Amino acid sequence: MRVTLKLATSLDGRIATASGESRWITGEAAREQVHRLRALHQSVLVGIATAIADDPQLTVRMPGFFGPQPLRVVLDSRQRLPSESHLVREAKRLPTLVLTTTVPDKGLTDAGVTVVRVAEQEGWPDLRESLAVVARHQAALSSQGLAPVQAGTDAPSSALLIEGGGQVAASFLKAGLVDAIEWFRAPMVLGNEGRPAVGDLALGRLAEAPRFRRVAVHELGDDLWERYERL
């Protein structure tokens, strides 16, 4: 599975102010491009902190798009996903998967959410096992004609887009599981007290840092869209 990390940040790599305000750091053109990226991926993933703070829909919403929606995935060790969230309220209409380390919660499953228990690793759902579960669900949806298909493109048949938050980004980077980065950078500075796009990596040496090669830069209104591939 190809894993892409999407970041939308200030110039200094922050995704929100100290109070958590994040709408909107990037402009309309950048946000439209994010929807195009979602349409090229079979699944979109966030951590529970992002799911609670932003209440995202994780859907493709743009004119002229009528295809299947990507599988919506939440890493949620303790199943804290609120019942009133968009993700839960729309689960019977849109495929929604929660990856947890505890026994599936009946409230979520009754609401239409698919809950899968995986092994725990450092307090998180094990990432490699989680990707295997996502791949199986993508394949099942594809067999039913319910997954995005990118006919005539070079997009892989199994692709995951990570949309937050900082610790989720750090965990996938640290595990060496990120193949590409789509970075939308807004011309503002939020300072050290702002919330970082990437959490702690606990690197002891520069040689341990995940490294990427920039393959493209585009202007989107006042924002920059930088594209990177893993070395």
Protein backbone atom coordinates (compact mmCIF):
# COMPACT_ATOMS: atom_id res chain seq x y z
CA MET A 1 0.00 0.00 0.00
CA ARG A 2 1.25 3.47 -0.88
CA VAL A 3 0.99 5.86 2.09
CA THR A 4 0.88 9.63 1.56
CA LEU A 5 1.08 12.19 4.34
CA LYS A 6 -0.84 15.43 3.76
CA LEU A 7 0.24 18.49 5.73
CA ALA A 8 -1.40 21.93 5.77
CA THR A 9 0.76 24.26 7.83
CA SER A 10 2.11 27.72 8.46
CA LEU A 11 5.60 28.61 7.21
CA ASP A 12 7.03 27.33 10.48
CA GLY A 13 5.28 23.96 10.27
CA ARG A 14 2.35 24.58 12.62
CA ILE A 15 -1.14 23.18 12.04
CA ALA A 16 -3.00 25.25 14.64
CA THR A 17 -2.58 28.00 17.20
CA ALA A 18 -1.90 27.17 20.84
CA SER A 19 -5.67 27.26 21.44
CA GLY A 20 -6.28 24.76 18.64
CA GLU A 21 -7.68 27.16 16.01
CA SER A 22 -6.86 25.80 12.56
CA ARG A 23 -9.65 26.90 10.17
CA TRP A 24 -8.37 27.97 7.86
CA ILE A 25 -4.58 28.10 7.69
CA THR A 26 -4.47 27.48 3.95
CA GLY A 27 -6.64 29.16 1.34
CA GLU A 28 -9.49 27.94 -0.80
CA ALA A 29 -7.32 26.78 -3.72
CA ALA A 30 -5.23 24.59 -1.43
CA ARG A 31 -8.33 23.12 0.19
CA GLU A 32 -9.77 22.31 -3.25
CA GLN A 33 -6.58 20.45 -4.12
CA VAL A 34 -6.88 18.38 -0.94
CA HIS A 35 -10.29 17.19 -2.15
CA ARG A 36 -8.69 16.16 -5.45
CA LEU A 37 -6.08 14.21 -3.52
CA ARG A 38 -8.77 12.43 -1.53
CA ALA A 39 -10.42 11.42 -4.78
CA LEU A 40 -7.16 9.68 -5.78
CA HIS A 41 -6.97 7.59 -2.61
CA GLN A 42 -8.98 4.58 -1.54
CA SER A 43 -8.81 5.56 2.14
CA VAL A 44 -8.23 8.63 4.31
CA LEU A 45 -6.89 8.33 7.87
CA VAL A 46 -6.79 10.55 10.95
CA GLY A 47 -5.98 10.04 14.61
CA ILE A 48 -8.60 10.35 17.30
CA ALA A 49 -7.27 13.72 18.49
CA THR A 50 -7.93 15.20 15.05
CA ALA A 51 -11.30 13.46 14.81
CA ILE A 52 -12.39 15.03 18.10
CA ALA A 53 -10.87 18.48 17.59
CA ASP A 54 -11.90 19.06 13.96
CA ASP A 55 -14.92 16.75 13.51
CA PRO A 56 -13.88 16.11 9.89
CA GLN A 57 -16.03 14.47 7.24
CA LEU A 58 -13.05 13.05 5.29
CA THR A 59 -15.07 13.04 2.08
CA VAL A 60 -14.50 14.32 -1.43
CA ARG A 61 -16.57 17.47 -1.87
CA MET A 62 -16.01 19.21 -5.18
CA PRO A 63 -18.09 20.08 -8.24
CA GLY A 64 -18.51 17.26 -10.71
CA PHE A 65 -17.42 14.47 -8.40
CA PHE A 66 -19.95 11.64 -8.18
CA GLY A 67 -17.68 8.67 -7.58
CA PRO A 68 -17.43 6.43 -4.50
CA GLN A 69 -16.05 8.04 -1.38
CA PRO A 70 -12.79 6.83 0.19
CA LEU A 71 -12.86 4.57 3.24
CA ARG A 72 -12.68 6.83 6.32
CA VAL A 73 -10.26 5.48 8.94
CA VAL A 74 -9.64 6.57 12.54
CA LEU A 75 -6.84 5.36 14.82
CA ASP A 76 -8.69 5.28 18.14
CA SER A 77 -7.08 3.10 20.81
CA ARG A 78 -9.81 3.64 23.41
CA GLN A 79 -12.76 4.25 21.04
CA ARG A 80 -13.34 7.85 22.06
CA LEU A 81 -14.92 8.80 18.74
CA PRO A 82 -18.02 10.84 19.69
CA SER A 83 -21.39 9.47 18.65
CA GLU A 84 -22.40 12.94 17.45
CA SER A 85 -19.39 13.28 15.12
CA HIS A 86 -19.78 13.42 11.35
CA LEU A 87 -17.82 10.18 11.07
CA VAL A 88 -20.28 8.25 13.24
CA ARG A 89 -23.49 9.93 12.09
CA GLU A 90 -22.68 9.19 8.44
CA ALA A 91 -21.24 5.70 8.96
CA LYS A 92 -24.28 3.86 7.61
CA ARG A 93 -23.96 5.82 4.37
CA LEU A 94 -20.18 6.11 4.07
CA PRO A 95 -17.68 3.34 4.88
CA THR A 96 -16.03 4.14 8.21
CA LEU A 97 -13.37 2.06 9.97
CA VAL A 98 -12.09 2.48 13.53
CA LEU A 99 -8.86 0.72 14.45
CA THR A 100 -8.64 0.14 18.19
CA THR A 101 -6.75 -1.87 20.80
CA THR A 102 -9.86 -2.65 22.89
CA VAL A 103 -13.02 -4.72 22.50
CA PRO A 104 -15.29 -3.16 19.82
CA ASP A 105 -17.83 -0.77 21.28
CA LYS A 106 -21.44 -1.73 20.51
CA GLY A 107 -22.48 1.90 20.27
CA LEU A 108 -20.11 2.42 17.36
CA THR A 109 -20.93 -0.83 15.58
CA ASP A 110 -24.69 -0.24 15.94
CA ALA A 111 -24.16 3.16 14.31
CA GLY A 112 -22.62 1.46 11.27
CA VAL A 113 -18.94 1.91 12.11
CA THR A 114 -16.69 -1.06 11.40
CA VAL A 115 -14.48 -1.51 14.48
CA VAL A 116 -11.43 -3.78 14.29
CA ARG A 117 -9.21 -4.62 17.22
CA VAL A 118 -5.49 -4.78 16.43
CA ALA A 119 -2.36 -5.27 18.50
CA GLU A 120 -1.06 -2.39 20.60
CA GLN A 121 2.34 -0.86 20.01
CA GLU A 122 3.62 1.93 22.26
CA GLY A 123 0.06 2.88 23.19
CA TRP A 124 -1.11 3.01 19.56
CA PRO A 125 -2.78 0.52 17.27
CA ASP A 126 0.07 -1.36 15.58
CA LEU A 127 0.64 0.55 12.35
CA ARG A 128 1.66 -2.32 10.09
CA GLU A 129 -1.25 -4.45 11.21
CA SER A 130 -3.53 -1.45 10.81
CA LEU A 131 -2.38 -0.96 7.20
CA ALA A 132 -3.07 -4.63 6.50
CA VAL A 133 -6.61 -4.25 7.88
CA VAL A 134 -7.17 -1.11 5.78
CA ALA A 135 -5.92 -2.92 2.67
CA ARG A 136 -8.37 -5.79 3.25
CA HIS A 137 -11.29 -3.40 3.64
CA GLN A 138 -10.24 -1.44 0.56
CA ALA A 139 -10.15 -4.66 -1.45
CA ALA A 140 -13.61 -5.65 -0.20
CA LEU A 141 -15.05 -2.26 -1.13
CA SER A 142 -13.37 -2.41 -4.55
CA SER A 143 -14.90 -5.81 -5.25
CA GLN A 144 -18.31 -4.26 -4.59
CA GLY A 145 -17.58 -1.24 -6.78
CA LEU A 146 -17.62 1.01 -3.71
CA ALA A 147 -14.03 2.30 -3.79
CA PRO A 148 -12.52 5.13 -5.85
CA VAL A 149 -10.98 3.98 -9.14
CA GLN A 150 -8.48 6.16 -10.99
CA ALA A 151 -8.87 4.92 -14.53
CA GLY A 152 -6.24 6.27 -16.88
CA THR A 153 -3.94 7.54 -14.10
CA ASP A 154 -0.74 6.31 -12.52
CA ALA A 155 -2.36 6.18 -9.08
CA PRO A 156 -1.76 2.90 -7.23
CA SER A 157 -4.68 0.51 -6.75
CA SER A 158 -4.20 0.69 -2.97
CA ALA A 159 -3.46 4.11 -1.53
CA LEU A 160 -3.93 5.73 1.88
CA LEU A 161 -3.92 9.47 2.62
CA ILE A 162 -3.02 10.52 6.18
CA GLU A 163 -4.55 13.83 7.20
CA GLY A 164 -3.52 14.26 10.85
CA GLY A 165 -2.59 14.86 13.49
CA GLY A 166 0.96 15.54 14.52
CA GLN A 167 1.61 12.40 16.51
CA VAL A 168 0.03 10.19 13.86
CA ALA A 169 2.33 11.81 11.29
CA ALA A 170 5.34 11.24 13.54
CA SER A 171 4.43 7.61 14.18
CA PHE A 172 4.15 6.75 10.48
CA LEU A 173 7.33 8.66 9.64
CA LYS A 174 9.27 7.03 12.44
CA ALA A 175 8.12 3.59 11.27
CA GLY A 176 9.30 4.34 7.73
CA LEU A 177 5.81 3.91 6.32
CA VAL A 178 5.37 7.25 4.53
CA ASP A 179 6.05 7.06 0.78
CA ALA A 180 5.14 10.63 -0.15
CA ILE A 181 4.31 14.00 1.41
CA GLU A 182 1.85 16.55 0.03
CA TRP A 183 2.67 19.75 1.92
CA PHE A 184 0.47 22.85 1.69
CA ARG A 185 2.28 25.80 3.25
CA ALA A 186 0.55 29.10 4.04
CA PRO A 187 2.41 32.44 4.28
CA MET A 188 1.92 32.96 8.01
CA VAL A 189 3.95 32.28 11.14
CA LEU A 190 2.34 30.84 14.30
CA GLY A 191 5.36 30.52 16.56
CA ASN A 192 6.69 27.89 18.90
CA GLU A 193 3.46 27.71 20.92
CA GLY A 194 1.52 26.64 17.82
CA ARG A 195 0.74 22.96 17.38
CA PRO A 196 3.34 21.13 15.28
CA ALA A 197 2.46 19.25 12.10
CA VAL A 198 4.78 16.43 13.15
CA GLY A 199 5.10 15.26 16.75
CA ASP A 200 8.17 13.97 18.55
CA LEU A 201 10.48 11.70 16.58
CA ALA A 202 13.11 11.41 19.33
CA LEU A 203 15.99 11.43 16.87
CA GLY A 204 19.49 11.13 18.26
CA ARG A 205 21.34 11.72 14.99
CA LEU A 206 20.66 13.43 11.67
CA ALA A 207 21.27 10.11 9.95
CA GLU A 208 18.12 8.77 11.63
CA ALA A 209 15.86 11.45 10.12
CA PRO A 210 13.34 10.36 7.47
CA ARG A 211 14.50 11.85 4.17
CA PHE A 212 12.51 12.89 1.11
CA ARG A 213 13.18 14.34 -2.32
CA ARG A 214 11.16 17.34 -3.50
CA VAL A 215 9.61 16.52 -6.87
CA ALA A 216 7.39 19.56 -7.48
CA VAL A 217 6.33 22.97 -6.17
CA HIS A 218 3.13 24.74 -7.22
CA GLU A 219 1.59 28.07 -6.27
CA LEU A 220 -2.03 27.82 -5.12
CA GLY A 221 -3.20 31.37 -4.51
CA ASP A 222 -0.99 32.67 -1.70
CA ASP A 223 -0.02 29.15 -0.63
CA LEU A 224 2.67 26.75 -1.80
CA TRP A 225 2.02 23.08 -2.57
CA GLU A 226 5.23 21.11 -2.15
CA ARG A 227 5.40 17.46 -3.19
CA TYR A 228 7.95 15.00 -1.85
CA GLU A 229 8.86 11.35 -2.43
CA ARG A 230 10.75 9.17 0.01
CA LEU A 231 14.39 8.59 -0.86
